[in-house]
Amino acid sequence: MSHVTSIDIEISNLTALESAIQEMGGTFLRDKKNYEWYGRHVGDFPLPPGFTKDMLGKCEHAIGLPGTTYQIGVVRNPAKPKSYTLLYDFWGPGEKLRSHFGDGLTKLKQMYGVHTATAAAKAKGYYVTRKQVGDTIKLQIAV
């Protein structure tokens, strides 16, 4: 069964995405043009907004995770072609992606935000410290 969903985030900094993935134990598969999933849309789950069946499984880059064959596709956003969105099949082997990176990839989105903000602050010459407080990551940015 195919249950491909898109994630409500715009990815514009691939370097920050790659470092977030690596910190979380995943692998950024640069220039991989197909991500692993069920392999065909069987109509049992709505298509991600802006995508057709023919677009599923295709990507610019992919994200791998040890212990599962399924991957997350880093796909050009059809509505905003200068950014990327994340697509993945969360059913069957994709459950490991969902449990590791969070339901709706919330943990990955959080870590991407941390790496993006850290890179932007450092580019402006600021010093950044990070503290984990439960499920929250707090950044302190100073001169």
N, C-alpha and C. Protein backbone atom coordinates (compact mmCIF):
# COMPACT_ATOMS: atom_id res chain seq x y z
N MET A 1 0.83 -1.17 0.00
CA MET A 1 0.00 0.00 0.00
C MET A 1 0.88 1.23 0.00
N SER A 2 0.44 2.26 -0.69
CA SER A 2 1.23 3.48 -0.74
C SER A 2 0.54 4.58 0.06
N HIS A 3 1.31 5.21 0.89
CA HIS A 3 0.82 6.32 1.71
C HIS A 3 1.87 7.42 1.68
N VAL A 4 2.03 8.05 0.52
CA VAL A 4 3.03 9.11 0.36
C VAL A 4 2.41 10.42 0.80
N THR A 5 3.14 11.13 1.63
CA THR A 5 2.67 12.42 2.11
C THR A 5 3.77 13.46 1.94
N SER A 6 3.37 14.73 1.83
CA SER A 6 4.33 15.82 1.78
C SER A 6 4.40 16.46 3.16
N ILE A 7 5.48 17.13 3.42
CA ILE A 7 5.70 17.76 4.71
C ILE A 7 5.59 19.27 4.54
N ASP A 8 4.92 19.93 5.47
CA ASP A 8 4.66 21.36 5.38
C ASP A 8 5.87 22.18 5.80
N ILE A 9 6.89 22.11 4.97
CA ILE A 9 8.11 22.89 5.22
C ILE A 9 8.73 23.20 3.86
N GLU A 10 9.33 24.37 3.76
CA GLU A 10 10.09 24.71 2.57
C GLU A 10 11.57 24.58 2.90
N ILE A 11 12.25 23.76 2.16
CA ILE A 11 13.69 23.57 2.35
C ILE A 11 14.41 24.45 1.34
N SER A 12 15.23 25.35 1.83
CA SER A 12 15.99 26.22 0.93
C SER A 12 17.49 26.12 1.17
N ASN A 13 17.89 25.50 2.27
CA ASN A 13 19.30 25.39 2.62
C ASN A 13 19.67 23.91 2.71
N LEU A 14 20.17 23.37 1.61
CA LEU A 14 20.50 21.94 1.57
C LEU A 14 21.66 21.58 2.51
N THR A 15 22.57 22.52 2.74
CA THR A 15 23.67 22.27 3.66
C THR A 15 23.14 22.08 5.08
N ALA A 16 22.20 22.94 5.49
CA ALA A 16 21.59 22.80 6.82
C ALA A 16 20.79 21.51 6.91
N LEU A 17 20.08 21.15 5.84
CA LEU A 17 19.33 19.90 5.83
C LEU A 17 20.27 18.71 5.98
N GLU A 18 21.35 18.72 5.23
CA GLU A 18 22.30 17.61 5.29
C GLU A 18 22.91 17.47 6.69
N SER A 19 23.29 18.58 7.31
CA SER A 19 23.89 18.49 8.64
C SER A 19 22.85 18.06 9.68
N ALA A 20 21.60 18.48 9.53
CA ALA A 20 20.54 18.03 10.44
C ALA A 20 20.32 16.53 10.31
N ILE A 21 20.29 16.04 9.10
CA ILE A 21 20.09 14.60 8.85
C ILE A 21 21.24 13.80 9.45
N GLN A 22 22.45 14.26 9.22
CA GLN A 22 23.61 13.55 9.77
C GLN A 22 23.58 13.53 11.29
N GLU A 23 23.22 14.64 11.91
CA GLU A 23 23.13 14.69 13.37
C GLU A 23 22.10 13.69 13.90
N MET A 24 21.07 13.45 13.11
CA MET A 24 20.00 12.54 13.52
C MET A 24 20.27 11.09 13.13
N GLY A 25 21.44 10.82 12.55
CA GLY A 25 21.80 9.45 12.22
C GLY A 25 21.38 8.99 10.84
N GLY A 26 20.92 9.90 10.02
CA GLY A 26 20.54 9.57 8.66
C GLY A 26 21.64 9.89 7.68
N THR A 27 21.36 9.65 6.41
CA THR A 27 22.32 9.91 5.34
C THR A 27 21.66 10.76 4.27
N PHE A 28 22.31 11.85 3.88
CA PHE A 28 21.84 12.68 2.77
C PHE A 28 22.42 12.11 1.49
N LEU A 29 21.56 11.67 0.60
CA LEU A 29 21.98 11.03 -0.65
C LEU A 29 21.87 12.06 -1.77
N ARG A 30 22.93 12.86 -1.89
CA ARG A 30 22.96 13.96 -2.84
C ARG A 30 22.85 13.44 -4.28
N ASP A 31 22.00 14.09 -5.05
CA ASP A 31 21.79 13.80 -6.48
C ASP A 31 21.15 12.43 -6.75
N LYS A 32 20.59 11.80 -5.75
CA LYS A 32 19.85 10.55 -5.98
C LYS A 32 18.49 10.95 -6.55
N LYS A 33 18.15 10.46 -7.70
CA LYS A 33 16.98 10.93 -8.44
C LYS A 33 15.70 10.17 -8.14
N ASN A 34 15.77 9.11 -7.36
CA ASN A 34 14.59 8.35 -6.97
C ASN A 34 14.70 7.98 -5.50
N TYR A 35 13.60 8.11 -4.78
CA TYR A 35 13.59 7.65 -3.39
C TYR A 35 12.80 6.33 -3.33
N GLU A 36 13.18 5.50 -2.39
CA GLU A 36 12.55 4.18 -2.25
C GLU A 36 11.22 4.33 -1.49
N TRP A 37 10.19 3.70 -2.02
CA TRP A 37 8.86 3.70 -1.42
C TRP A 37 8.13 2.46 -1.90
N TYR A 38 6.83 2.37 -1.72
CA TYR A 38 6.07 1.20 -2.16
C TYR A 38 6.22 0.97 -3.66
N GLY A 39 6.34 2.04 -4.41
CA GLY A 39 6.63 1.93 -5.84
C GLY A 39 5.50 2.28 -6.77
N ARG A 40 4.31 2.34 -6.26
CA ARG A 40 3.18 2.78 -7.09
C ARG A 40 2.06 3.27 -6.20
N HIS A 41 1.32 4.25 -6.71
CA HIS A 41 0.20 4.80 -5.97
C HIS A 41 -1.02 3.92 -6.27
N VAL A 42 -1.64 3.39 -5.23
CA VAL A 42 -2.78 2.49 -5.43
C VAL A 42 -4.12 3.15 -5.09
N GLY A 43 -4.10 4.44 -4.82
CA GLY A 43 -5.34 5.18 -4.61
C GLY A 43 -5.94 5.06 -3.23
N ASP A 44 -5.20 4.51 -2.28
CA ASP A 44 -5.74 4.34 -0.93
C ASP A 44 -5.40 5.49 0.00
N PHE A 45 -4.71 6.51 -0.50
CA PHE A 45 -4.34 7.67 0.29
C PHE A 45 -4.24 8.85 -0.67
N PRO A 46 -4.69 10.04 -0.27
CA PRO A 46 -4.65 11.19 -1.19
C PRO A 46 -3.22 11.54 -1.62
N LEU A 47 -3.09 11.97 -2.85
CA LEU A 47 -1.79 12.45 -3.34
C LEU A 47 -1.41 13.72 -2.60
N PRO A 48 -0.10 13.94 -2.39
CA PRO A 48 0.32 15.21 -1.81
C PRO A 48 -0.12 16.37 -2.71
N PRO A 49 -0.53 17.49 -2.13
CA PRO A 49 -0.98 18.64 -2.93
C PRO A 49 0.08 19.08 -3.94
N GLY A 50 -0.36 19.27 -5.19
CA GLY A 50 0.53 19.73 -6.25
C GLY A 50 1.29 18.63 -6.95
N PHE A 51 1.11 17.38 -6.54
CA PHE A 51 1.83 16.25 -7.13
C PHE A 51 0.88 15.31 -7.85
N THR A 52 1.38 14.69 -8.91
CA THR A 52 0.63 13.67 -9.63
C THR A 52 1.25 12.31 -9.34
N LYS A 53 0.55 11.25 -9.68
CA LYS A 53 1.07 9.89 -9.47
C LYS A 53 2.42 9.71 -10.15
N ASP A 54 2.59 10.29 -11.34
CA ASP A 54 3.84 10.14 -12.10
C ASP A 54 5.02 10.81 -11.41
N MET A 55 4.76 11.76 -10.53
CA MET A 55 5.84 12.47 -9.86
C MET A 55 6.36 11.72 -8.63
N LEU A 56 5.57 10.81 -8.10
CA LEU A 56 5.96 10.08 -6.89
C LEU A 56 7.17 9.20 -7.15
N GLY A 57 8.06 9.15 -6.19
CA GLY A 57 9.27 8.34 -6.30
C GLY A 57 10.44 9.07 -6.93
N LYS A 58 10.18 10.24 -7.52
CA LYS A 58 11.24 11.03 -8.17
C LYS A 58 11.66 12.17 -7.26
N CYS A 59 12.95 12.50 -7.28
CA CYS A 59 13.45 13.54 -6.40
C CYS A 59 14.75 14.12 -6.94
N GLU A 60 15.23 15.14 -6.27
CA GLU A 60 16.54 15.73 -6.57
C GLU A 60 17.62 15.10 -5.69
N HIS A 61 17.22 14.76 -4.46
CA HIS A 61 18.11 14.14 -3.47
C HIS A 61 17.22 13.23 -2.62
N ALA A 62 17.83 12.39 -1.81
CA ALA A 62 17.06 11.52 -0.93
C ALA A 62 17.70 11.47 0.45
N ILE A 63 16.93 10.97 1.40
CA ILE A 63 17.39 10.81 2.77
C ILE A 63 17.23 9.35 3.14
N GLY A 64 18.32 8.74 3.57
CA GLY A 64 18.29 7.35 3.97
C GLY A 64 18.43 7.22 5.48
N LEU A 65 17.95 6.10 6.00
CA LEU A 65 18.04 5.83 7.42
C LEU A 65 18.38 4.35 7.60
N PRO A 66 19.43 4.03 8.34
CA PRO A 66 19.74 2.63 8.58
C PRO A 66 18.55 1.89 9.20
N GLY A 67 18.32 0.68 8.73
CA GLY A 67 17.25 -0.13 9.29
C GLY A 67 15.96 -0.11 8.50
N THR A 68 15.90 0.68 7.43
CA THR A 68 14.71 0.68 6.57
C THR A 68 15.13 0.85 5.12
N THR A 69 14.36 0.24 4.24
CA THR A 69 14.64 0.38 2.80
C THR A 69 14.00 1.63 2.23
N TYR A 70 12.93 2.12 2.85
CA TYR A 70 12.26 3.31 2.34
C TYR A 70 13.11 4.54 2.62
N GLN A 71 12.92 5.57 1.80
CA GLN A 71 13.68 6.81 1.92
C GLN A 71 12.73 8.00 1.84
N ILE A 72 13.25 9.15 2.19
CA ILE A 72 12.53 10.42 2.06
C ILE A 72 13.08 11.11 0.82
N GLY A 73 12.18 11.55 -0.05
CA GLY A 73 12.60 12.29 -1.24
C GLY A 73 12.68 13.77 -0.95
N VAL A 74 13.75 14.40 -1.39
CA VAL A 74 13.90 15.86 -1.33
C VAL A 74 13.54 16.33 -2.74
N VAL A 75 12.33 16.89 -2.85
CA VAL A 75 11.70 17.11 -4.15
C VAL A 75 11.48 18.61 -4.37
N ARG A 76 11.71 19.06 -5.60
CA ARG A 76 11.41 20.46 -5.93
C ARG A 76 9.94 20.71 -5.67
N ASN A 77 9.66 21.80 -5.01
CA ASN A 77 8.29 22.17 -4.69
C ASN A 77 7.63 22.71 -5.97
N PRO A 78 6.57 22.04 -6.47
CA PRO A 78 5.96 22.51 -7.72
C PRO A 78 5.44 23.94 -7.65
N ALA A 79 4.99 24.37 -6.47
CA ALA A 79 4.45 25.72 -6.31
C ALA A 79 5.56 26.77 -6.14
N LYS A 80 6.72 26.34 -5.63
CA LYS A 80 7.84 27.26 -5.40
C LYS A 80 9.13 26.56 -5.83
N PRO A 81 9.45 26.59 -7.12
CA PRO A 81 10.56 25.78 -7.65
C PRO A 81 11.95 26.11 -7.12
N LYS A 82 12.11 27.19 -6.35
CA LYS A 82 13.43 27.48 -5.77
C LYS A 82 13.61 26.81 -4.43
N SER A 83 12.59 26.10 -3.98
CA SER A 83 12.68 25.41 -2.70
C SER A 83 12.30 23.93 -2.88
N TYR A 84 12.51 23.18 -1.83
CA TYR A 84 12.24 21.75 -1.85
C TYR A 84 11.19 21.42 -0.79
N THR A 85 10.53 20.30 -0.99
CA THR A 85 9.66 19.73 0.02
C THR A 85 10.09 18.29 0.23
N LEU A 86 9.61 17.67 1.27
CA LEU A 86 9.98 16.30 1.59
C LEU A 86 8.78 15.40 1.36
N LEU A 87 8.99 14.29 0.63
CA LEU A 87 7.95 13.30 0.40
C LEU A 87 8.44 11.95 0.90
N TYR A 88 7.55 11.20 1.53
CA TYR A 88 7.93 9.85 1.93
C TYR A 88 6.68 9.00 2.13
N ASP A 89 6.85 7.71 2.00
CA ASP A 89 5.79 6.73 2.21
C ASP A 89 5.91 6.25 3.65
N PHE A 90 4.94 6.59 4.48
CA PHE A 90 5.03 6.29 5.91
C PHE A 90 4.44 4.93 6.27
N TRP A 91 3.99 4.15 5.30
CA TRP A 91 3.38 2.85 5.58
C TRP A 91 4.43 1.75 5.51
N GLY A 92 4.25 0.69 6.25
CA GLY A 92 5.17 -0.46 6.21
C GLY A 92 6.57 -0.06 6.63
N PRO A 93 7.56 -0.28 5.74
CA PRO A 93 8.94 0.09 6.09
C PRO A 93 9.12 1.58 6.38
N GLY A 94 8.20 2.41 5.86
CA GLY A 94 8.27 3.85 6.12
C GLY A 94 7.94 4.23 7.55
N GLU A 95 7.35 3.31 8.29
CA GLU A 95 7.05 3.56 9.70
C GLU A 95 8.32 3.88 10.48
N LYS A 96 9.42 3.25 10.10
CA LYS A 96 10.71 3.52 10.77
C LYS A 96 11.12 4.98 10.54
N LEU A 97 10.88 5.51 9.34
CA LEU A 97 11.18 6.93 9.06
C LEU A 97 10.32 7.82 9.95
N ARG A 98 9.05 7.49 10.04
CA ARG A 98 8.13 8.29 10.84
C ARG A 98 8.50 8.24 12.32
N SER A 99 8.82 7.06 12.83
CA SER A 99 9.15 6.98 14.26
C SER A 99 10.49 7.65 14.57
N HIS A 100 11.45 7.57 13.68
CA HIS A 100 12.77 8.16 13.93
C HIS A 100 12.75 9.69 13.78
N PHE A 101 12.17 10.16 12.68
CA PHE A 101 12.19 11.60 12.37
C PHE A 101 10.95 12.34 12.89
N GLY A 102 10.04 11.62 13.54
CA GLY A 102 8.85 12.23 14.11
C GLY A 102 7.66 12.12 13.17
N ASP A 103 6.47 12.05 13.76
CA ASP A 103 5.25 12.03 12.97
C ASP A 103 5.18 13.33 12.19
N GLY A 104 5.00 13.25 10.89
CA GLY A 104 5.06 14.45 10.06
C GLY A 104 6.47 15.01 9.95
N LEU A 105 7.45 14.18 10.30
CA LEU A 105 8.87 14.54 10.30
C LEU A 105 9.15 15.74 11.21
N THR A 106 8.40 15.85 12.31
CA THR A 106 8.54 17.01 13.20
C THR A 106 9.94 17.15 13.78
N LYS A 107 10.57 16.05 14.14
CA LYS A 107 11.92 16.14 14.72
C LYS A 107 12.92 16.60 13.66
N LEU A 108 12.77 16.12 12.44
CA LEU A 108 13.66 16.55 11.35
C LEU A 108 13.43 18.02 11.03
N LYS A 109 12.18 18.45 11.00
CA LYS A 109 11.89 19.86 10.74
C LYS A 109 12.51 20.75 11.81
N GLN A 110 12.40 20.32 13.06
CA GLN A 110 12.99 21.09 14.16
C GLN A 110 14.51 21.19 14.00
N MET A 111 15.14 20.06 13.71
CA MET A 111 16.60 20.06 13.58
C MET A 111 17.04 20.87 12.37
N TYR A 112 16.28 20.82 11.28
CA TYR A 112 16.58 21.66 10.11
C TYR A 112 16.50 23.14 10.50
N GLY A 113 15.49 23.52 11.26
CA GLY A 113 15.37 24.90 11.72
C GLY A 113 16.55 25.32 12.58
N VAL A 114 16.99 24.43 13.46
CA VAL A 114 18.15 24.71 14.32
C VAL A 114 19.39 24.94 13.46
N HIS A 115 19.63 24.06 12.51
CA HIS A 115 20.83 24.18 11.66
C HIS A 115 20.75 25.40 10.74
N THR A 116 19.55 25.71 10.25
CA THR A 116 19.39 26.89 9.39
C THR A 116 19.64 28.17 10.18
N ALA A 117 19.04 28.28 11.36
CA ALA A 117 19.22 29.48 12.20
C ALA A 117 20.67 29.62 12.65
N THR A 118 21.29 28.51 13.01
CA THR A 118 22.69 28.53 13.45
C THR A 118 23.60 29.02 12.33
N ALA A 119 23.39 28.49 11.13
CA ALA A 119 24.22 28.91 9.98
C ALA A 119 24.02 30.39 9.67
N ALA A 120 22.78 30.87 9.72
CA ALA A 120 22.51 32.28 9.43
C ALA A 120 23.15 33.19 10.47
N ALA A 121 23.06 32.81 11.73
CA ALA A 121 23.66 33.62 12.81
C ALA A 121 25.18 33.65 12.69
N LYS A 122 25.78 32.49 12.46
CA LYS A 122 27.25 32.42 12.33
C LYS A 122 27.73 33.21 11.11
N ALA A 123 26.95 33.21 10.03
CA ALA A 123 27.32 33.97 8.83
C ALA A 123 27.37 35.47 9.12
N LYS A 124 26.63 35.91 10.11
CA LYS A 124 26.63 37.32 10.50
C LYS A 124 27.61 37.61 11.62
N GLY A 125 28.40 36.60 12.01
CA GLY A 125 29.43 36.80 13.01
C GLY A 125 28.98 36.56 14.44
N TYR A 126 27.80 36.02 14.65
CA TYR A 126 27.30 35.77 15.99
C TYR A 126 27.79 34.42 16.52
N TYR A 127 27.83 34.32 17.82
CA TYR A 127 28.19 33.09 18.51
C TYR A 127 26.88 32.39 18.90
N VAL A 128 26.80 31.09 18.66
CA VAL A 128 25.56 30.36 18.91
C VAL A 128 25.82 29.22 19.89
N THR A 129 25.00 29.14 20.92
CA THR A 129 25.03 27.99 21.82
C THR A 129 23.64 27.34 21.78
N ARG A 130 23.64 26.06 22.06
CA ARG A 130 22.41 25.29 21.94
C ARG A 130 22.19 24.47 23.20
N LYS A 131 20.95 24.42 23.63
CA LYS A 131 20.63 23.65 24.83
C LYS A 131 19.34 22.86 24.59
N GLN A 132 19.39 21.57 24.90
CA GLN A 132 18.21 20.71 24.79
C GLN A 132 17.45 20.77 26.10
N VAL A 133 16.17 21.10 26.04
CA VAL A 133 15.31 21.15 27.22
C VAL A 133 14.09 20.29 26.89
N GLY A 134 14.12 19.03 27.31
CA GLY A 134 13.05 18.10 26.95
C GLY A 134 13.04 17.90 25.45
N ASP A 135 11.91 18.13 24.83
CA ASP A 135 11.78 18.00 23.38
C ASP A 135 12.11 19.31 22.66
N THR A 136 12.44 20.34 23.40
CA THR A 136 12.68 21.67 22.83
C THR A 136 14.19 21.92 22.74
N ILE A 137 14.60 22.56 21.67
CA ILE A 137 15.98 22.99 21.50
C ILE A 137 16.00 24.51 21.58
N LYS A 138 16.78 25.03 22.51
CA LYS A 138 16.88 26.48 22.67
C LYS A 138 18.22 26.95 22.13
N LEU A 139 18.16 27.97 21.30
CA LEU A 139 19.37 28.59 20.76
C LEU A 139 19.60 29.92 21.47
N GLN A 140 20.84 30.17 21.84
CA GLN A 140 21.20 31.47 22.38
C GLN A 140 22.20 32.07 21.40
N ILE A 141 21.87 33.22 20.88
CA ILE A 141 22.69 33.89 19.88
C ILE A 141 23.26 35.17 20.50
N ALA A 142 24.57 35.31 20.44
CA ALA A 142 25.22 36.46 21.06
C ALA A 142 26.30 37.00 20.14
N VAL A 143 26.71 38.23 20.42
CA VAL A 143 27.77 38.88 19.66
C VAL A 143 29.11 38.33 20.09
